[in-house]
Amino acid sequence: MPDRIVIIDYGMGNLRSVLNAFRVLGADARVSANPSDLRDADRAVLPGVGSFGDAMRNLRERGWVSALETEVRTPRKPFLGLCLGMQLLARTGSEHGTHEGLGWLDGSVDRLPETDSTIRIPHIGWNTVRFSAGNRLFRGLGEAGVFYFVHSYAMKPGDPAVASGTCSHGVEFTASVEQENVFGTQFHPEKSQKIGLSVLRNFLQIES
C-alpha cells in the first residue's frame, strides 16, 4: 500500500496543482483542512502562496501548529514545505513586520534585494538550482536543474549546511533545505514539469 500523504489546507496554498502532481505519480494523496488527519498520514506537505504573517496566523488558528509538532516532528514523518511552506520553517519572517515562524530551522526569511535595474522582484520564472552533495530530494538529478519560481522573499538559514540547493537572482539564495525528516523547496516542483515530478518522487521514496 502506498504511503498516505496529507496536503495541508490552511487557506493559503496551490492545493489542486500539488494534489494533481502527486496523483500523476500514483501517490495516495489527499487535501485536508482537518489537523487530526495527520495522525494517520505517513507524509505531510505544506504548500503556500501569500504572506508569512497571514500564513502563520492561519496555521495557529486552525490547529495545525500543534498537530504538526505532535504528528510530524516527534515521529519524524517526512515533511515537505513548498514555496511559502518552506519559508514558514524558519524562526522569523520579515514580511510586513516581524513574525514568528514554525522555528523548525534556525534562520530568517527576508526580501530579496533589487541589486540593480535588471533584477526584478518578485522573482518569477525558470532558474537554475545547484544541488549540494548527498541530498535526498535531488537524488539522481545530477549537479543542477531548472525549476519554476514565484517569490519575493527567501530563507537565510542559520546553518548553511541546511541548504540542499542554491539559486542566483541578483544574489545567491537558498532554493531548498533538508534537515533530518524536514525538506523544503522555494521553487514550485508541481509547476516544474518533469524535473519537478522527479523531486516529488524522491520525496515519496524517503524513509521515515
C-alpha atoms as a PDB file:
ATOM      1  CA  MET A   1       0.000   0.000   0.000  1.00  0.00           C
ATOM      2  CA  PRO A   2       1.438   3.444  -0.913  1.00  0.00           C
ATOM      3  CA  ASP A   3       2.129   5.965   1.830  1.00  0.00           C
ATOM      4  CA  ARG A   4      -0.752   8.222   2.797  1.00  0.00           C
ATOM      5  CA  ILE A   5       0.075  11.860   2.094  1.00  0.00           C
ATOM      6  CA  VAL A   6      -1.787  14.805   3.603  1.00  0.00           C
ATOM      7  CA  ILE A   7      -1.570  18.115   1.737  1.00  0.00           C
ATOM      8  CA  ILE A   8      -2.364  20.758   4.328  1.00  0.00           C
ATOM      9  CA  ASP A   9      -5.207  23.140   3.569  1.00  0.00           C
ATOM     10  CA  TYR A  10      -4.806  26.225   5.751  1.00  0.00           C
ATOM     11  CA  GLY A  11      -6.298  28.657   3.267  1.00  0.00           C
ATOM     12  CA  MET A  12      -3.063  29.655   1.529  1.00  0.00           C
ATOM     13  CA  GLY A  13      -1.896  27.068  -0.957  1.00  0.00           C
ATOM     14  CA  ASN A  14      -1.809  25.847  -4.548  1.00  0.00           C
ATOM     15  CA  LEU A  15      -3.688  22.797  -3.404  1.00  0.00           C
ATOM     16  CA  ARG A  16      -5.107  21.461  -6.651  1.00  0.00           C
ATOM     17  CA  SER A  17      -1.868  21.608  -8.632  1.00  0.00           C
ATOM     18  CA  VAL A  18       0.082  19.964  -5.792  1.00  0.00           C
ATOM     19  CA  LEU A  19      -2.528  17.235  -5.440  1.00  0.00           C
ATOM     20  CA  ASN A  20      -2.555  16.602  -9.192  1.00  0.00           C
ATOM     21  CA  ALA A  21       1.245  16.297  -9.277  1.00  0.00           C
ATOM     22  CA  PHE A  22       1.256  13.628  -6.572  1.00  0.00           C
ATOM     23  CA  ARG A  23      -1.580  11.773  -8.257  1.00  0.00           C
ATOM     24  CA  VAL A  24       0.363  11.724 -11.539  1.00  0.00           C
ATOM     25  CA  LEU A  25       2.988   9.804  -9.557  1.00  0.00           C
ATOM     26  CA  GLY A  26       0.368   7.347  -8.320  1.00  0.00           C
ATOM     27  CA  ALA A  27       0.558   8.585  -4.736  1.00  0.00           C
ATOM     28  CA  ASP A  28      -2.244   8.184  -2.207  1.00  0.00           C
ATOM     29  CA  ALA A  29      -2.592  11.922  -1.590  1.00  0.00           C
ATOM     30  CA  ARG A  30      -5.444  13.982  -0.211  1.00  0.00           C
ATOM     31  CA  VAL A  31      -6.067  17.613   0.696  1.00  0.00           C
ATOM     32  CA  SER A  32      -7.205  18.100   4.277  1.00  0.00           C
ATOM     33  CA  ALA A  33      -8.349  21.048   6.387  1.00  0.00           C
ATOM     34  CA  ASN A  34      -8.513  18.805   9.471  1.00  0.00           C
ATOM     35  CA  PRO A  35      -5.319  18.644  11.568  1.00  0.00           C
ATOM     36  CA  SER A  36      -6.367  15.297  13.063  1.00  0.00           C
ATOM     37  CA  ASP A  37      -5.848  13.710   9.639  1.00  0.00           C
ATOM     38  CA  LEU A  38      -2.103  13.992  10.214  1.00  0.00           C
ATOM     39  CA  ARG A  39      -2.423  11.161  12.722  1.00  0.00           C
ATOM     40  CA  ASP A  40      -2.999   8.579  10.002  1.00  0.00           C
ATOM     41  CA  ALA A  41      -0.708  10.193   7.429  1.00  0.00           C
ATOM     42  CA  ASP A  42       2.735   8.863   6.558  1.00  0.00           C
ATOM     43  CA  ARG A  43       3.919  12.138   4.997  1.00  0.00           C
ATOM     44  CA  ALA A  44       2.842  15.779   5.117  1.00  0.00           C
ATOM     45  CA  VAL A  45       3.099  18.533   2.518  1.00  0.00           C
ATOM     46  CA  LEU A  46       2.693  22.244   3.302  1.00  0.00           C
ATOM     47  CA  PRO A  47       2.132  24.368   0.175  1.00  0.00           C
ATOM     48  CA  GLY A  48       1.881  28.115   0.393  1.00  0.00           C
ATOM     49  CA  VAL A  49       1.150  31.291  -1.536  1.00  0.00           C
ATOM     50  CA  GLY A  50       0.811  34.625   0.235  1.00  0.00           C
ATOM     51  CA  SER A  51       2.370  36.437   3.188  1.00  0.00           C
ATOM     52  CA  PHE A  52       4.351  34.923   6.047  1.00  0.00           C
ATOM     53  CA  GLY A  53       2.360  36.530   8.862  1.00  0.00           C
ATOM     54  CA  ASP A  54      -1.046  35.619   7.437  1.00  0.00           C
ATOM     55  CA  ALA A  55       0.090  32.044   6.872  1.00  0.00           C
ATOM     56  CA  MET A  56       1.315  31.586  10.435  1.00  0.00           C
ATOM     57  CA  ARG A  57      -1.884  33.092  11.813  1.00  0.00           C
ATOM     58  CA  ASN A  58      -3.955  30.635   9.766  1.00  0.00           C
ATOM     59  CA  LEU A  59      -1.834  27.674  10.858  1.00  0.00           C
ATOM     60  CA  ARG A  60      -2.240  28.610  14.516  1.00  0.00           C
ATOM     61  CA  GLU A  61      -5.940  29.453  14.391  1.00  0.00           C
ATOM     62  CA  ARG A  62      -6.787  26.232  12.539  1.00  0.00           C
ATOM     63  CA  GLY A  63      -4.838  23.994  14.889  1.00  0.00           C
ATOM     64  CA  TRP A  64      -2.074  22.954  12.512  1.00  0.00           C
ATOM     65  CA  VAL A  65       0.949  24.127  14.510  1.00  0.00           C
ATOM     66  CA  SER A  66       0.362  21.819  17.484  1.00  0.00           C
ATOM     67  CA  ALA A  67      -0.714  18.960  15.209  1.00  0.00           C
ATOM     68  CA  LEU A  68       2.457  19.268  13.132  1.00  0.00           C
ATOM     69  CA  GLU A  69       4.614  19.211  16.261  1.00  0.00           C
ATOM     70  CA  THR A  70       2.830  16.128  17.569  1.00  0.00           C
ATOM     71  CA  GLU A  71       2.333  14.151  14.358  1.00  0.00           C
ATOM     72  CA  VAL A  72       5.344  15.142  12.238  1.00  0.00           C
ATOM     73  CA  ARG A  73       8.172  16.376  14.415  1.00  0.00           C
ATOM     74  CA  THR A  74       8.028  13.734  17.135  1.00  0.00           C
ATOM     75  CA  PRO A  75       7.550  10.591  14.999  1.00  0.00           C
ATOM     76  CA  ARG A  76       9.833  12.029  12.281  1.00  0.00           C
ATOM     77  CA  LYS A  77       7.368  11.703   9.420  1.00  0.00           C
ATOM     78  CA  PRO A  78       8.765  13.108   6.158  1.00  0.00           C
ATOM     79  CA  PHE A  79       7.601  16.693   5.678  1.00  0.00           C
ATOM     80  CA  LEU A  80       7.854  18.882   2.567  1.00  0.00           C
ATOM     81  CA  GLY A  81       7.268  22.637   2.540  1.00  0.00           C
ATOM     82  CA  LEU A  82       6.698  24.288  -0.842  1.00  0.00           C
ATOM     83  CA  CYS A  83       7.483  27.969  -1.536  1.00  0.00           C
ATOM     84  CA  LEU A  84       5.902  29.855   1.399  1.00  0.00           C
ATOM     85  CA  GLY A  85       5.558  26.459   3.071  1.00  0.00           C
ATOM     86  CA  MET A  86       9.355  26.222   3.127  1.00  0.00           C
ATOM     87  CA  GLN A  87       9.749  29.776   4.438  1.00  0.00           C
ATOM     88  CA  LEU A  88       7.465  29.033   7.391  1.00  0.00           C
ATOM     89  CA  LEU A  89      10.040  26.545   8.680  1.00  0.00           C
ATOM     90  CA  ALA A  90      12.266  29.475   9.745  1.00  0.00           C
ATOM     91  CA  ARG A  91      12.263  31.141  13.141  1.00  0.00           C
ATOM     92  CA  THR A  92      11.169  34.525  11.811  1.00  0.00           C
ATOM     93  CA  GLY A  93       9.868  36.260   8.708  1.00  0.00           C
ATOM     94  CA  SER A  94      10.152  39.994   7.999  1.00  0.00           C
ATOM     95  CA  GLU A  95       7.300  40.466   5.521  1.00  0.00           C
ATOM     96  CA  HIS A  96       5.092  43.369   6.751  1.00  0.00           C
ATOM     97  CA  GLY A  97       6.729  43.319  10.183  1.00  0.00           C
ATOM     98  CA  THR A  98       8.494  40.607  12.152  1.00  0.00           C
ATOM     99  CA  HIS A  99       6.601  37.344  12.613  1.00  0.00           C
ATOM    100  CA  GLU A 100       7.439  34.081  14.340  1.00  0.00           C
ATOM    101  CA  GLY A 101       7.583  31.019  12.103  1.00  0.00           C
ATOM    102  CA  LEU A 102       7.416  27.350  12.995  1.00  0.00           C
ATOM    103  CA  GLY A 103      11.037  27.554  14.117  1.00  0.00           C
ATOM    104  CA  TRP A 104      11.956  24.085  12.873  1.00  0.00           C
ATOM    105  CA  LEU A 105      15.023  25.554  11.182  1.00  0.00           C
ATOM    106  CA  ASP A 106      17.210  28.310  12.569  1.00  0.00           C
ATOM    107  CA  GLY A 107      17.156  31.332  10.290  1.00  0.00           C
ATOM    108  CA  SER A 108      15.059  34.179   8.930  1.00  0.00           C
ATOM    109  CA  VAL A 109      13.067  34.960   5.801  1.00  0.00           C
ATOM    110  CA  ASP A 110      13.811  38.334   4.222  1.00  0.00           C
ATOM    111  CA  ARG A 111      13.043  40.167   0.991  1.00  0.00           C
ATOM    112  CA  LEU A 112      15.336  39.578  -1.946  1.00  0.00           C
ATOM    113  CA  PRO A 113      17.325  42.751  -2.712  1.00  0.00           C
ATOM    114  CA  GLU A 114      16.989  44.593  -6.009  1.00  0.00           C
ATOM    115  CA  THR A 115      20.723  44.786  -6.625  1.00  0.00           C
ATOM    116  CA  ASP A 116      20.419  46.643  -9.947  1.00  0.00           C
ATOM    117  CA  SER A 117      17.866  47.668 -12.579  1.00  0.00           C
ATOM    118  CA  THR A 118      17.977  44.262 -14.278  1.00  0.00           C
ATOM    119  CA  ILE A 119      16.850  42.411 -11.148  1.00  0.00           C
ATOM    120  CA  ARG A 120      13.098  42.366 -10.761  1.00  0.00           C
ATOM    121  CA  ILE A 121      11.306  41.422  -7.579  1.00  0.00           C
ATOM    122  CA  PRO A 122       9.251  39.277  -7.326  1.00  0.00           C
ATOM    123  CA  HIS A 123      11.475  36.626  -8.846  1.00  0.00           C
ATOM    124  CA  ILE A 124       9.210  34.923 -11.368  1.00  0.00           C
ATOM    125  CA  GLY A 125      10.182  32.283 -13.894  1.00  0.00           C
ATOM    126  CA  TRP A 126      12.618  29.463 -14.543  1.00  0.00           C
ATOM    127  CA  ASN A 127      16.015  29.463 -12.903  1.00  0.00           C
ATOM    128  CA  THR A 128      18.866  27.062 -12.206  1.00  0.00           C
ATOM    129  CA  VAL A 129      19.227  25.390  -8.820  1.00  0.00           C
ATOM    130  CA  ARG A 130      22.627  23.976  -7.900  1.00  0.00           C
ATOM    131  CA  PHE A 131      22.403  20.912  -5.678  1.00  0.00           C
ATOM    132  CA  SER A 132      24.557  20.154  -2.668  1.00  0.00           C
ATOM    133  CA  ALA A 133      26.227  16.758  -2.423  1.00  0.00           C
ATOM    134  CA  GLY A 134      24.451  13.938  -0.649  1.00  0.00           C
ATOM    135  CA  ASN A 135      20.968  15.463  -0.560  1.00  0.00           C
ATOM    136  CA  ARG A 136      17.920  13.241  -0.966  1.00  0.00           C
ATOM    137  CA  LEU A 137      15.398  15.424  -2.791  1.00  0.00           C
ATOM    138  CA  PHE A 138      17.636  15.712  -5.861  1.00  0.00           C
ATOM    139  CA  ARG A 139      18.974  12.177  -5.925  1.00  0.00           C
ATOM    140  CA  GLY A 140      19.718  11.083  -9.484  1.00  0.00           C
ATOM    141  CA  LEU A 141      19.262  14.578 -10.965  1.00  0.00           C
ATOM    142  CA  GLY A 142      22.927  15.488 -11.425  1.00  0.00           C
ATOM    143  CA  GLU A 143      24.524  18.662 -10.115  1.00  0.00           C
ATOM    144  CA  ALA A 144      21.820  21.185 -11.093  1.00  0.00           C
ATOM    145  CA  GLY A 145      18.344  21.574 -12.565  1.00  0.00           C
ATOM    146  CA  VAL A 146      15.977  24.289 -13.775  1.00  0.00           C
ATOM    147  CA  PHE A 147      12.816  24.970 -11.754  1.00  0.00           C
ATOM    148  CA  TYR A 148       9.941  27.454 -11.657  1.00  0.00           C
ATOM    149  CA  PHE A 149       9.945  30.231  -9.020  1.00  0.00           C
ATOM    150  CA  VAL A 150       7.430  32.836  -7.847  1.00  0.00           C
ATOM    151  CA  HIS A 151       8.601  34.687  -4.726  1.00  0.00           C
ATOM    152  CA  SER A 152       9.882  37.947  -3.260  1.00  0.00           C
ATOM    153  CA  TYR A 153      11.339  36.576  -0.014  1.00  0.00           C
ATOM    154  CA  ALA A 154      13.924  33.890   0.696  1.00  0.00           C
ATOM    155  CA  MET A 155      15.203  31.974   3.693  1.00  0.00           C
ATOM    156  CA  LYS A 156      18.624  32.650   5.225  1.00  0.00           C
ATOM    157  CA  PRO A 157      19.399  29.528   7.276  1.00  0.00           C
ATOM    158  CA  GLY A 158      21.446  29.964  10.419  1.00  0.00           C
ATOM    159  CA  ASP A 159      23.359  26.835   9.444  1.00  0.00           C
ATOM    160  CA  PRO A 160      24.461  26.918   5.773  1.00  0.00           C
ATOM    161  CA  ALA A 161      24.617  23.105   5.775  1.00  0.00           C
ATOM    162  CA  VAL A 162      20.807  23.048   5.864  1.00  0.00           C
ATOM    163  CA  ALA A 163      20.689  24.364   2.285  1.00  0.00           C
ATOM    164  CA  SER A 164      20.416  21.466  -0.162  1.00  0.00           C
ATOM    165  CA  GLY A 165      20.133  23.760  -3.189  1.00  0.00           C
ATOM    166  CA  THR A 166      21.044  27.335  -4.079  1.00  0.00           C
ATOM    167  CA  CYS A 167      19.954  29.730  -6.817  1.00  0.00           C
ATOM    168  CA  SER A 168      21.042  33.157  -8.024  1.00  0.00           C
ATOM    169  CA  HIS A 169      18.774  36.141  -8.685  1.00  0.00           C
ATOM    170  CA  GLY A 170      20.860  39.223  -8.063  1.00  0.00           C
ATOM    171  CA  VAL A 171      22.218  37.434  -5.011  1.00  0.00           C
ATOM    172  CA  GLU A 172      22.609  33.768  -4.190  1.00  0.00           C
ATOM    173  CA  PHE A 173      19.749  32.469  -2.063  1.00  0.00           C
ATOM    174  CA  THR A 174      18.629  29.184  -0.546  1.00  0.00           C
ATOM    175  CA  ALA A 175      16.427  27.328  -3.006  1.00  0.00           C
ATOM    176  CA  SER A 176      15.856  24.192  -0.930  1.00  0.00           C
ATOM    177  CA  VAL A 177      16.521  22.847   2.556  1.00  0.00           C
ATOM    178  CA  GLU A 178      16.972  19.460   4.181  1.00  0.00           C
ATOM    179  CA  GLN A 179      17.345  18.554   7.844  1.00  0.00           C
ATOM    180  CA  GLU A 180      16.515  15.060   9.095  1.00  0.00           C
ATOM    181  CA  ASN A 181      12.869  14.454   8.095  1.00  0.00           C
ATOM    182  CA  VAL A 182      12.192  18.080   7.105  1.00  0.00           C
ATOM    183  CA  PHE A 183      12.512  19.222   3.487  1.00  0.00           C
ATOM    184  CA  GLY A 184      11.564  22.375   1.634  1.00  0.00           C
ATOM    185  CA  THR A 185      11.762  23.955  -1.816  1.00  0.00           C
ATOM    186  CA  GLN A 186      11.478  27.657  -2.590  1.00  0.00           C
ATOM    187  CA  PHE A 187      10.568  26.747  -6.154  1.00  0.00           C
ATOM    188  CA  HIS A 188       7.324  25.050  -7.174  1.00  0.00           C
ATOM    189  CA  PRO A 189       8.029  21.410  -8.105  1.00  0.00           C
ATOM    190  CA  GLU A 190       4.379  20.970  -9.053  1.00  0.00           C
ATOM    191  CA  LYS A 191       4.880  23.629 -11.767  1.00  0.00           C
ATOM    192  CA  SER A 192       8.351  22.493 -12.841  1.00  0.00           C
ATOM    193  CA  GLN A 193       7.339  19.807 -15.319  1.00  0.00           C
ATOM    194  CA  LYS A 194       9.305  16.544 -15.456  1.00  0.00           C
ATOM    195  CA  ILE A 195      12.145  17.525 -13.134  1.00  0.00           C
ATOM    196  CA  GLY A 196       9.642  18.787 -10.569  1.00  0.00           C
ATOM    197  CA  LEU A 197       7.882  15.431 -10.600  1.00  0.00           C
ATOM    198  CA  SER A 198      11.274  13.776 -10.070  1.00  0.00           C
ATOM    199  CA  VAL A 199      11.764  15.842  -6.906  1.00  0.00           C
ATOM    200  CA  LEU A 200       8.328  14.830  -5.602  1.00  0.00           C
ATOM    201  CA  ARG A 201       9.046  11.203  -6.473  1.00  0.00           C
ATOM    202  CA  ASN A 202      12.260  11.370  -4.467  1.00  0.00           C
ATOM    203  CA  PHE A 203      10.312  12.777  -1.521  1.00  0.00           C
ATOM    204  CA  LEU A 204       7.934   9.817  -1.706  1.00  0.00           C
ATOM    205  CA  GLN A 205      10.888   7.435  -1.516  1.00  0.00           C
ATOM    206  CA  ILE A 206      12.487   8.988   1.583  1.00  0.00           C
ATOM    207  CA  GLU A 207      12.242   6.610   4.516  1.00  0.00           C
ATOM    208  CA  SER A 208      10.753   7.851   7.744  1.00  0.00           C
END
